[in-house]
Amino acid sequence: MTAKQVVQELLSKLPDDCSLEDIQYRIETRRQIEEGLAALNRGEFHTHEEVCAKMDQWLAE
């Protein structure tokens, strides 16, 4: 799906009286989700255990 098609789909799901901020929020949220999924597919993530260990370390400081 092209970027234009993604935006058209997002717009079709919004009410006619939505604001520009609503549109911008939906587009940015979609971009961030796609970016996160791409990072996941590249193996760029931390396991739950790694995050818990890091949180324990931060909280102990």
PDB file of N, CA and C in Angstrom:
ATOM      1  N   MET A   1       0.851  -1.175   0.000  1.00  0.00           N
ATOM      2  CA  MET A   1       0.000   0.000   0.000  1.00  0.00           C
ATOM      3  C   MET A   1       0.895   1.237   0.000  1.00  0.00           C
ATOM      4  N   THR A   2       0.583   2.176  -0.863  1.00  0.00           N
ATOM      5  CA  THR A   2       1.381   3.391  -0.940  1.00  0.00           C
ATOM      6  C   THR A   2       1.035   4.320   0.222  1.00  0.00           C
ATOM      7  N   ALA A   3       1.905   5.281   0.454  1.00  0.00           N
ATOM      8  CA  ALA A   3       1.665   6.259   1.517  1.00  0.00           C
ATOM      9  C   ALA A   3       0.361   7.008   1.267  1.00  0.00           C
ATOM     10  N   LYS A   4       0.110   7.346   0.027  1.00  0.00           N
ATOM     11  CA  LYS A   4      -1.116   8.062  -0.321  1.00  0.00           C
ATOM     12  C   LYS A   4      -2.346   7.198  -0.007  1.00  0.00           C
ATOM     13  N   GLN A   5      -2.266   5.920  -0.302  1.00  0.00           N
ATOM     14  CA  GLN A   5      -3.376   5.013  -0.024  1.00  0.00           C
ATOM     15  C   GLN A   5      -3.606   4.872   1.485  1.00  0.00           C
ATOM     16  N   VAL A   6      -2.525   4.839   2.251  1.00  0.00           N
ATOM     17  CA  VAL A   6      -2.642   4.752   3.700  1.00  0.00           C
ATOM     18  C   VAL A   6      -3.374   5.968   4.235  1.00  0.00           C
ATOM     19  N   VAL A   7      -2.989   7.157   3.767  1.00  0.00           N
ATOM     20  CA  VAL A   7      -3.628   8.397   4.221  1.00  0.00           C
ATOM     21  C   VAL A   7      -5.090   8.423   3.788  1.00  0.00           C
ATOM     22  N   GLN A   8      -5.373   8.003   2.577  1.00  0.00           N
ATOM     23  CA  GLN A   8      -6.762   7.973   2.112  1.00  0.00           C
ATOM     24  C   GLN A   8      -7.603   7.041   2.979  1.00  0.00           C
ATOM     25  N   GLU A   9      -7.049   5.912   3.333  1.00  0.00           N
ATOM     26  CA  GLU A   9      -7.765   4.964   4.205  1.00  0.00           C
ATOM     27  C   GLU A   9      -8.012   5.573   5.582  1.00  0.00           C
ATOM     28  N   LEU A  10      -6.972   6.210   6.137  1.00  0.00           N
ATOM     29  CA  LEU A  10      -7.130   6.858   7.440  1.00  0.00           C
ATOM     30  C   LEU A  10      -8.205   7.944   7.384  1.00  0.00           C
ATOM     31  N   LEU A  11      -8.181   8.750   6.333  1.00  0.00           N
ATOM     32  CA  LEU A  11      -9.159   9.831   6.187  1.00  0.00           C
ATOM     33  C   LEU A  11     -10.583   9.284   6.056  1.00  0.00           C
ATOM     34  N   SER A  12     -10.720   8.180   5.365  1.00  0.00           N
ATOM     35  CA  SER A  12     -12.060   7.621   5.162  1.00  0.00           C
ATOM     36  C   SER A  12     -12.691   7.140   6.463  1.00  0.00           C
ATOM     37  N   LYS A  13     -11.867   6.865   7.460  1.00  0.00           N
ATOM     38  CA  LYS A  13     -12.365   6.374   8.743  1.00  0.00           C
ATOM     39  C   LYS A  13     -12.648   7.489   9.750  1.00  0.00           C
ATOM     40  N   LEU A  14     -12.257   8.712   9.418  1.00  0.00           N
ATOM     41  CA  LEU A  14     -12.464   9.838  10.324  1.00  0.00           C
ATOM     42  C   LEU A  14     -13.794  10.526  10.024  1.00  0.00           C
ATOM     43  N   PRO A  15     -14.400  11.127  11.045  1.00  0.00           N
ATOM     44  CA  PRO A  15     -15.645  11.863  10.797  1.00  0.00           C
ATOM     45  C   PRO A  15     -15.376  13.113   9.963  1.00  0.00           C
ATOM     46  N   ASP A  16     -16.397  13.577   9.284  1.00  0.00           N
ATOM     47  CA  ASP A  16     -16.252  14.747   8.406  1.00  0.00           C
ATOM     48  C   ASP A  16     -15.860  16.009   9.168  1.00  0.00           C
ATOM     49  N   ASP A  17     -16.202  16.081  10.437  1.00  0.00           N
ATOM     50  CA  ASP A  17     -15.906  17.295  11.206  1.00  0.00           C
ATOM     51  C   ASP A  17     -14.611  17.192  12.022  1.00  0.00           C
ATOM     52  N   CYS A  18     -13.734  16.257  11.660  1.00  0.00           N
ATOM     53  CA  CYS A  18     -12.472  16.130  12.405  1.00  0.00           C
ATOM     54  C   CYS A  18     -11.573  17.334  12.119  1.00  0.00           C
ATOM     55  N   SER A  19     -10.671  17.589  13.041  1.00  0.00           N
ATOM     56  CA  SER A  19      -9.766  18.730  12.896  1.00  0.00           C
ATOM     57  C   SER A  19      -8.487  18.309  12.172  1.00  0.00           C
ATOM     58  N   LEU A  20      -7.725  19.302  11.758  1.00  0.00           N
ATOM     59  CA  LEU A  20      -6.420  19.016  11.158  1.00  0.00           C
ATOM     60  C   LEU A  20      -5.518  18.318  12.165  1.00  0.00           C
ATOM     61  N   GLU A  21      -5.661  18.671  13.432  1.00  0.00           N
ATOM     62  CA  GLU A  21      -4.866  18.029  14.483  1.00  0.00           C
ATOM     63  C   GLU A  21      -5.217  16.553  14.595  1.00  0.00           C
ATOM     64  N   ASP A  22      -6.511  16.223  14.457  1.00  0.00           N
ATOM     65  CA  ASP A  22      -6.924  14.811  14.482  1.00  0.00           C
ATOM     66  C   ASP A  22      -6.270  14.042  13.334  1.00  0.00           C
ATOM     67  N   ILE A  23      -6.267  14.639  12.165  1.00  0.00           N
ATOM     68  CA  ILE A  23      -5.671  14.001  10.991  1.00  0.00           C
ATOM     69  C   ILE A  23      -4.173  13.821  11.192  1.00  0.00           C
ATOM     70  N   GLN A  24      -3.523  14.862  11.656  1.00  0.00           N
ATOM     71  CA  GLN A  24      -2.081  14.809  11.889  1.00  0.00           C
ATOM     72  C   GLN A  24      -1.745  13.739  12.919  1.00  0.00           C
ATOM     73  N   TYR A  25      -2.522  13.671  13.989  1.00  0.00           N
ATOM     74  CA  TYR A  25      -2.287  12.676  15.039  1.00  0.00           C
ATOM     75  C   TYR A  25      -2.384  11.262  14.472  1.00  0.00           C
ATOM     76  N   ARG A  26      -3.417  10.999  13.674  1.00  0.00           N
ATOM     77  CA  ARG A  26      -3.601   9.659  13.102  1.00  0.00           C
ATOM     78  C   ARG A  26      -2.462   9.289  12.164  1.00  0.00           C
ATOM     79  N   ILE A  27      -2.031  10.242  11.344  1.00  0.00           N
ATOM     80  CA  ILE A  27      -0.942   9.963  10.410  1.00  0.00           C
ATOM     81  C   ILE A  27       0.354   9.693  11.176  1.00  0.00           C
ATOM     82  N   GLU A  28       0.650  10.506  12.175  1.00  0.00           N
ATOM     83  CA  GLU A  28       1.883  10.327  12.947  1.00  0.00           C
ATOM     84  C   GLU A  28       1.849   9.019  13.729  1.00  0.00           C
ATOM     85  N   THR A  29       0.709   8.686  14.289  1.00  0.00           N
ATOM     86  CA  THR A  29       0.588   7.426  15.024  1.00  0.00           C
ATOM     87  C   THR A  29       0.834   6.249  14.093  1.00  0.00           C
ATOM     88  N   ARG A  30       0.257   6.293  12.906  1.00  0.00           N
ATOM     89  CA  ARG A  30       0.456   5.223  11.926  1.00  0.00           C
ATOM     90  C   ARG A  30       1.929   5.113  11.540  1.00  0.00           C
ATOM     91  N   ARG A  31       2.588   6.264  11.345  1.00  0.00           N
ATOM     92  CA  ARG A  31       4.012   6.260  10.980  1.00  0.00           C
ATOM     93  C   ARG A  31       4.843   5.618  12.072  1.00  0.00           C
ATOM     94  N   GLN A  32       4.551   5.959  13.322  1.00  0.00           N
ATOM     95  CA  GLN A  32       5.312   5.408  14.437  1.00  0.00           C
ATOM     96  C   GLN A  32       5.102   3.900  14.568  1.00  0.00           C
ATOM     97  N   ILE A  33       3.890   3.454  14.343  1.00  0.00           N
ATOM     98  CA  ILE A  33       3.619   2.016  14.399  1.00  0.00           C
ATOM     99  C   ILE A  33       4.392   1.292  13.306  1.00  0.00           C
ATOM    100  N   GLU A  34       4.356   1.829  12.098  1.00  0.00           N
ATOM    101  CA  GLU A  34       5.090   1.198  10.994  1.00  0.00           C
ATOM    102  C   GLU A  34       6.590   1.199  11.254  1.00  0.00           C
ATOM    103  N   GLU A  35       7.085   2.278  11.833  1.00  0.00           N
ATOM    104  CA  GLU A  35       8.511   2.356  12.172  1.00  0.00           C
ATOM    105  C   GLU A  35       8.866   1.298  13.213  1.00  0.00           C
ATOM    106  N   GLY A  36       8.025   1.125  14.207  1.00  0.00           N
ATOM    107  CA  GLY A  36       8.261   0.114  15.240  1.00  0.00           C
ATOM    108  C   GLY A  36       8.217  -1.298  14.688  1.00  0.00           C
ATOM    109  N   LEU A  37       7.268  -1.568  13.808  1.00  0.00           N
ATOM    110  CA  LEU A  37       7.186  -2.896  13.201  1.00  0.00           C
ATOM    111  C   LEU A  37       8.404  -3.186  12.330  1.00  0.00           C
ATOM    112  N   ALA A  38       8.883  -2.173  11.617  1.00  0.00           N
ATOM    113  CA  ALA A  38      10.076  -2.354  10.784  1.00  0.00           C
ATOM    114  C   ALA A  38      11.293  -2.659  11.661  1.00  0.00           C
ATOM    115  N   ALA A  39      11.415  -1.959  12.788  1.00  0.00           N
ATOM    116  CA  ALA A  39      12.527  -2.219  13.712  1.00  0.00           C
ATOM    117  C   ALA A  39      12.425  -3.636  14.273  1.00  0.00           C
ATOM    118  N   LEU A  40      11.223  -4.049  14.595  1.00  0.00           N
ATOM    119  CA  LEU A  40      11.011  -5.406  15.093  1.00  0.00           C
ATOM    120  C   LEU A  40      11.438  -6.438  14.059  1.00  0.00           C
ATOM    121  N   ASN A  41      11.056  -6.207  12.806  1.00  0.00           N
ATOM    122  CA  ASN A  41      11.441  -7.127  11.729  1.00  0.00           C
ATOM    123  C   ASN A  41      12.947  -7.166  11.504  1.00  0.00           C
ATOM    124  N   ARG A  42      13.640  -6.072  11.832  1.00  0.00           N
ATOM    125  CA  ARG A  42      15.104  -6.034  11.710  1.00  0.00           C
ATOM    126  C   ARG A  42      15.790  -6.626  12.943  1.00  0.00           C
ATOM    127  N   GLY A  43      15.000  -7.025  13.924  1.00  0.00           N
ATOM    128  CA  GLY A  43      15.563  -7.599  15.136  1.00  0.00           C
ATOM    129  C   GLY A  43      16.023  -6.567  16.138  1.00  0.00           C
ATOM    130  N   GLU A  44      15.587  -5.339  15.969  1.00  0.00           N
ATOM    131  CA  GLU A  44      15.990  -4.245  16.852  1.00  0.00           C
ATOM    132  C   GLU A  44      14.954  -4.069  17.957  1.00  0.00           C
ATOM    133  N   PHE A  45      15.075  -4.910  18.984  1.00  0.00           N
ATOM    134  CA  PHE A  45      14.141  -4.831  20.096  1.00  0.00           C
ATOM    135  C   PHE A  45      14.809  -5.378  21.350  1.00  0.00           C
ATOM    136  N   HIS A  46      14.180  -5.156  22.495  1.00  0.00           N
ATOM    137  CA  HIS A  46      14.657  -5.673  23.764  1.00  0.00           C
ATOM    138  C   HIS A  46      13.609  -6.632  24.307  1.00  0.00           C
ATOM    139  N   THR A  47      14.053  -7.709  24.908  1.00  0.00           N
ATOM    140  CA  THR A  47      13.123  -8.659  25.499  1.00  0.00           C
ATOM    141  C   THR A  47      12.539  -8.069  26.777  1.00  0.00           C
ATOM    142  N   HIS A  48      11.463  -8.667  27.233  1.00  0.00           N
ATOM    143  CA  HIS A  48      10.831  -8.235  28.479  1.00  0.00           C
ATOM    144  C   HIS A  48      11.831  -8.320  29.631  1.00  0.00           C
ATOM    145  N   GLU A  49      12.599  -9.377  29.653  1.00  0.00           N
ATOM    146  CA  GLU A  49      13.587  -9.568  30.711  1.00  0.00           C
ATOM    147  C   GLU A  49      14.653  -8.479  30.678  1.00  0.00           C
ATOM    148  N   GLU A  50      15.107  -8.107  29.493  1.00  0.00           N
ATOM    149  CA  GLU A  50      16.108  -7.046  29.370  1.00  0.00           C
ATOM    150  C   GLU A  50      15.566  -5.714  29.871  1.00  0.00           C
ATOM    151  N   VAL A  51      14.334  -5.426  29.537  1.00  0.00           N
ATOM    152  CA  VAL A  51      13.723  -4.169  29.974  1.00  0.00           C
ATOM    153  C   VAL A  51      13.570  -4.167  31.493  1.00  0.00           C
ATOM    154  N   CYS A  52      13.123  -5.269  32.062  1.00  0.00           N
ATOM    155  CA  CYS A  52      12.966  -5.359  33.517  1.00  0.00           C
ATOM    156  C   CYS A  52      14.308  -5.171  34.219  1.00  0.00           C
ATOM    157  N   ALA A  53      15.360  -5.787  33.694  1.00  0.00           N
ATOM    158  CA  ALA A  53      16.691  -5.650  34.288  1.00  0.00           C
ATOM    159  C   ALA A  53      17.161  -4.193  34.216  1.00  0.00           C
ATOM    160  N   LYS A  54      16.917  -3.539  33.100  1.00  0.00           N
ATOM    161  CA  LYS A  54      17.321  -2.146  32.942  1.00  0.00           C
ATOM    162  C   LYS A  54      16.529  -1.252  33.896  1.00  0.00           C
ATOM    163  N   MET A  55      15.232  -1.513  34.043  1.00  0.00           N
ATOM    164  CA  MET A  55      14.408  -0.732  34.966  1.00  0.00           C
ATOM    165  C   MET A  55      14.903  -0.909  36.407  1.00  0.00           C
ATOM    166  N   ASP A  56      15.233  -2.148  36.778  1.00  0.00           N
ATOM    167  CA  ASP A  56      15.768  -2.402  38.116  1.00  0.00           C
ATOM    168  C   ASP A  56      17.048  -1.606  38.340  1.00  0.00           C
ATOM    169  N   GLN A  57      17.899  -1.575  37.316  1.00  0.00           N
ATOM    170  CA  GLN A  57      19.155  -0.835  37.398  1.00  0.00           C
ATOM    171  C   GLN A  57      18.880   0.654  37.561  1.00  0.00           C
ATOM    172  N   TRP A  58      17.972   1.218  36.778  1.00  0.00           N
ATOM    173  CA  TRP A  58      17.657   2.647  36.872  1.00  0.00           C
ATOM    174  C   TRP A  58      17.057   3.008  38.229  1.00  0.00           C
ATOM    175  N   LEU A  59      16.184   2.160  38.717  1.00  0.00           N
ATOM    176  CA  LEU A  59      15.515   2.450  39.989  1.00  0.00           C
ATOM    177  C   LEU A  59      16.469   2.340  41.166  1.00  0.00           C
ATOM    178  N   ALA A  60      17.523   1.540  41.032  1.00  0.00           N
ATOM    179  CA  ALA A  60      18.494   1.368  42.113  1.00  0.00           C
ATOM    180  C   ALA A  60      19.452   2.552  42.225  1.00  0.00           C
ATOM    181  N   GLU A  61      19.529   3.346  41.169  1.00  0.00           N
ATOM    182  CA  GLU A  61      20.461   4.486  41.156  1.00  0.00           C
ATOM    183  C   GLU A  61      19.965   5.624  42.009  1.00  0.00           C
TER     184      GLU A  61
END
